[in-house]
């Protein structure tokens, strides 16, 4: 096996892992097509709001784990599959490559007509494996903005903007341009996936997060 084949196999596996639509599958256990209720999104926030808090948290955890496995577990398995093949820059790039394709799979899942979520939980899982400090800072911003505004979308956008900025001073020296550039692109992708939320925010129709009990199951 050569490095190109290993990357192709790893990339396909990462995409398929990311494509598992946990929010859709979890909602189906209640007889609900999550795409037809609430915001229509398959992510944890819509499951939380439209079905139950318990299932929303479960969806977030599973989507988060997809990102963790894509960035951390798959590269380890690839290294086991082809011992000694991954060295130098090829070894550094593979976790980012797999993590990014896991997010792409979540956002454009092949199992739901290439429509999916917004990738926030999966991106957070990826960051835990690639840049825990960046993740901690972005999470801190998310919490502050969410608590003060009660808009999940605003908190997510603020965290993505923060990530796009902080990865440069944190990682430019150690990795060069490619690593912060890729993470910045993923942050911009997350913002772009929130364009409908941005439109609703401008129109004043975006829903604030409510903590009232909603038929938890």
Protein backbone atom coordinates (compact mmCIF):
# COMPACT_ATOMS: atom_id res chain seq x y z
CA UNK A 1 0.00 0.00 0.00
CA UNK A 2 1.27 3.48 -0.83
CA UNK A 3 0.52 6.79 0.87
CA UNK A 4 -2.07 7.85 -1.73
CA UNK A 5 -4.16 4.70 -1.26
CA UNK A 6 -3.92 5.04 2.52
CA UNK A 7 -5.16 8.64 2.34
CA UNK A 8 -8.02 7.66 0.02
CA UNK A 9 -9.15 4.83 2.30
CA UNK A 10 -8.85 7.03 5.38
CA UNK A 11 -10.75 9.86 3.70
CA UNK A 12 -13.62 7.64 2.59
CA UNK A 13 -13.88 6.11 6.06
CA UNK A 14 -13.85 9.56 7.68
CA UNK A 15 -16.57 10.84 5.35
CA UNK A 16 -18.80 7.81 5.98
CA UNK A 17 -18.25 8.12 9.73
CA UNK A 18 -19.25 11.77 9.62
CA UNK A 19 -22.26 10.93 7.45
CA UNK A 20 -23.96 8.84 10.16
CA UNK A 21 -27.00 11.08 10.89
CA UNK A 22 -27.35 10.46 14.60
CA UNK A 23 -29.94 13.21 15.13
CA UNK A 24 -32.12 11.78 12.38
CA UNK A 25 -31.77 8.22 13.68
CA UNK A 26 -32.43 9.19 17.30
CA UNK A 27 -35.56 11.14 16.32
CA UNK A 28 -36.76 8.15 14.31
CA UNK A 29 -36.82 6.08 17.51
CA UNK A 30 -39.68 8.39 18.54
CA UNK A 31 -41.37 8.10 15.16
CA UNK A 32 -40.35 11.63 14.17
CA UNK A 33 -38.57 12.83 11.06
CA UNK A 34 -36.43 15.58 12.59
CA UNK A 35 -36.27 17.27 9.18
CA UNK A 36 -39.97 18.09 9.41
CA UNK A 37 -40.05 19.71 12.85
CA UNK A 38 -38.53 22.81 14.38
CA UNK A 39 -35.74 24.25 12.27
CA UNK A 40 -35.57 21.11 10.14
CA UNK A 41 -31.92 20.62 11.06
CA UNK A 42 -30.68 17.16 12.07
CA UNK A 43 -28.36 18.53 14.76
CA UNK A 44 -28.50 18.39 18.54
CA UNK A 45 -30.13 21.80 19.06
CA UNK A 46 -33.20 20.89 17.01
CA UNK A 47 -33.47 17.48 18.69
CA UNK A 48 -33.17 19.18 22.09
CA UNK A 49 -35.87 21.73 21.28
CA UNK A 50 -38.26 19.60 19.26
CA UNK A 51 -38.09 16.19 20.97
CA UNK A 52 -36.35 16.13 24.37
CA UNK A 53 -33.37 17.43 26.28
CA UNK A 54 -32.10 13.91 26.92
CA UNK A 55 -32.08 12.98 23.25
CA UNK A 56 -30.61 16.34 22.31
CA UNK A 57 -27.67 15.78 24.64
CA UNK A 58 -27.27 12.25 23.26
CA UNK A 59 -27.19 13.62 19.71
CA UNK A 60 -24.56 16.19 20.65
CA UNK A 61 -22.40 13.55 22.34
CA UNK A 62 -22.52 11.19 19.36
CA UNK A 63 -21.83 13.96 16.83
CA UNK A 64 -18.97 15.13 19.04
CA UNK A 65 -17.54 11.61 19.12
CA UNK A 66 -17.61 11.47 15.33
CA UNK A 67 -15.22 14.41 15.25
CA UNK A 68 -12.99 12.89 17.93
CA UNK A 69 -12.76 9.57 16.12
CA UNK A 70 -12.16 11.21 12.76
CA UNK A 71 -9.26 13.31 13.99
CA UNK A 72 -7.73 10.91 16.53
CA UNK A 73 -8.81 7.29 16.05
CA UNK A 74 -8.76 6.95 12.25
CA UNK A 75 -5.15 8.18 11.87
CA UNK A 76 -4.07 5.69 14.54
CA UNK A 77 -5.82 2.89 12.69
CA UNK A 78 -4.21 4.00 9.43
CA UNK A 79 -0.81 3.91 11.08
CA UNK A 80 -1.53 0.38 12.31
CA UNK A 81 -2.71 -0.66 8.86
CA UNK A 82 0.49 0.52 7.19
CA UNK A 83 3.26 0.66 9.83
CA UNK A 84 6.05 3.07 9.02
CA UNK A 85 4.31 4.57 5.98
CA UNK A 86 3.10 7.71 7.71
CA UNK A 87 6.04 9.95 8.53
CA UNK A 88 6.80 13.67 8.65
CA UNK A 89 4.24 16.01 7.10
CA UNK A 90 2.07 13.14 5.84
CA UNK A 91 1.58 12.02 9.43
CA UNK A 92 0.79 15.56 10.62
CA UNK A 93 -1.74 16.19 7.86
CA UNK A 94 -3.74 12.95 8.11
CA UNK A 95 -5.59 13.82 11.38
CA UNK A 96 -6.63 17.19 9.92
CA UNK A 97 -7.62 15.54 6.64
CA UNK A 98 -9.74 12.89 8.36
CA UNK A 99 -11.24 15.35 10.82
CA UNK A 100 -12.22 17.75 8.04
CA UNK A 101 -13.85 14.98 6.00
CA UNK A 102 -15.78 13.85 9.06
CA UNK A 103 -17.24 17.37 9.29
CA UNK A 104 -17.98 17.35 5.55
CA UNK A 105 -19.78 14.02 6.00
CA UNK A 106 -21.89 15.44 8.82
CA UNK A 107 -22.78 18.57 6.85
CA UNK A 108 -23.50 16.74 3.59
CA UNK A 109 -24.40 13.18 4.55
CA UNK A 110 -24.77 10.72 1.69
CA UNK A 111 -27.51 8.96 3.68
CA UNK A 112 -29.90 11.94 3.55
CA UNK A 113 -29.48 13.23 0.01
CA UNK A 114 -26.29 15.14 0.87
CA UNK A 115 -28.09 17.39 3.33
CA UNK A 116 -27.04 17.41 6.95
CA UNK A 117 -26.22 19.49 9.99
CA UNK A 118 -24.05 22.50 10.67
CA UNK A 119 -21.06 20.65 12.08
CA UNK A 120 -20.60 22.47 15.38
CA UNK A 121 -20.54 19.40 17.64
CA UNK A 122 -18.46 17.42 15.13
CA UNK A 123 -16.03 20.33 14.75
CA UNK A 124 -15.71 20.56 18.53
CA UNK A 125 -14.85 16.87 18.67
CA UNK A 126 -12.24 17.31 15.97
CA UNK A 127 -10.67 20.23 17.84
CA UNK A 128 -10.32 18.20 21.03
CA UNK A 129 -8.02 15.88 19.12
CA UNK A 130 -6.13 18.54 17.15
CA UNK A 131 -5.98 21.68 19.28
CA UNK A 132 -7.38 21.37 22.82
CA UNK A 133 -6.36 24.92 23.74
CA UNK A 134 -8.19 26.38 20.74
CA UNK A 135 -11.19 24.27 21.68
CA UNK A 136 -11.11 25.51 25.29
CA UNK A 137 -10.95 29.17 24.23
CA UNK A 138 -13.70 28.79 21.62
CA UNK A 139 -15.87 26.92 24.14
CA UNK A 140 -15.37 29.71 26.68
CA UNK A 141 -16.56 32.26 24.12
CA UNK A 142 -19.52 30.03 23.20
CA UNK A 143 -20.61 29.77 26.85
CA UNK A 144 -20.32 33.51 27.50
CA UNK A 145 -22.23 34.48 24.37
CA UNK A 146 -24.88 31.82 24.88
CA UNK A 147 -25.51 32.74 28.52
CA UNK A 148 -25.80 36.44 27.68
CA UNK A 149 -27.85 36.11 24.48
CA UNK A 150 -29.53 32.68 24.70
CA UNK A 151 -29.01 32.31 20.96
CA UNK A 152 -27.26 29.02 20.10
CA UNK A 153 -26.55 30.32 16.61
CA UNK A 154 -24.91 33.53 17.82
CA UNK A 155 -22.78 31.59 20.31
CA UNK A 156 -21.71 29.14 17.61
CA UNK A 157 -20.82 31.91 15.15
CA UNK A 158 -18.88 33.78 17.85
CA UNK A 159 -16.95 30.60 18.71
CA UNK A 160 -16.16 30.00 15.03
CA UNK A 161 -14.89 33.58 14.58
CA UNK A 162 -12.77 33.17 17.70
CA UNK A 163 -11.30 29.94 16.38
CA UNK A 164 -10.47 31.51 13.01
CA UNK A 165 -8.45 34.19 14.81
CA UNK A 166 -6.71 32.33 17.63
CA UNK A 167 -5.35 29.39 15.62
CA UNK A 168 -2.83 31.67 13.92
CA UNK A 169 -0.85 32.83 16.97
CA UNK A 170 -1.26 29.41 18.61
CA UNK A 171 -0.09 27.21 15.74
CA UNK A 172 1.62 29.19 12.99
CA UNK A 173 5.10 28.79 14.50
CA UNK A 174 4.85 25.02 15.06
CA UNK A 175 2.99 23.96 11.92
CA UNK A 176 3.41 26.70 9.36
CA UNK A 177 0.59 28.14 7.29
CA UNK A 178 -1.32 24.98 6.39
CA UNK A 179 -2.64 24.02 9.84
CA UNK A 180 -4.17 27.36 10.90
CA UNK A 181 -5.35 27.91 7.32
CA UNK A 182 -7.33 24.64 7.33
CA UNK A 183 -8.85 25.32 10.75
CA UNK A 184 -9.77 28.83 9.63
CA UNK A 185 -11.51 27.41 6.55
CA UNK A 186 -13.46 24.99 8.74
CA UNK A 187 -14.47 27.87 11.03
CA UNK A 188 -15.66 29.87 8.01
CA UNK A 189 -17.59 26.82 6.82
CA UNK A 190 -19.38 26.69 10.17
CA UNK A 191 -20.32 30.36 9.83
CA UNK A 192 -21.54 29.82 6.27
CA UNK A 193 -23.73 26.92 7.42
CA UNK A 194 -25.43 29.39 9.77
CA UNK A 195 -26.45 31.76 6.97
CA UNK A 196 -30.17 30.98 7.48
CA UNK A 197 -29.78 31.79 11.19
CA UNK A 198 -28.06 35.05 10.29
CA UNK A 199 -31.00 35.94 8.04
CA UNK A 200 -33.44 35.22 10.86
CA UNK A 201 -31.35 37.22 13.31
CA UNK A 202 -31.45 40.20 10.97
CA UNK A 203 -35.22 39.79 10.61
CA UNK A 204 -35.69 39.39 14.37
CA UNK A 205 -37.26 35.92 14.00
CA UNK A 206 -34.47 33.72 15.35
CA UNK A 207 -35.60 31.64 18.36
CA UNK A 208 -33.90 32.08 21.70
CA UNK A 209 -33.04 28.93 23.63
CA UNK A 210 -35.57 28.07 26.31
CA UNK A 211 -34.81 25.85 29.30
CA UNK A 212 -38.40 24.99 30.07
CA UNK A 213 -39.18 21.29 30.25
CA UNK A 214 -40.44 20.00 26.87
CA UNK A 215 -41.62 16.44 27.24
CA UNK A 216 -38.29 14.86 28.06
CA UNK A 217 -38.06 11.20 27.17
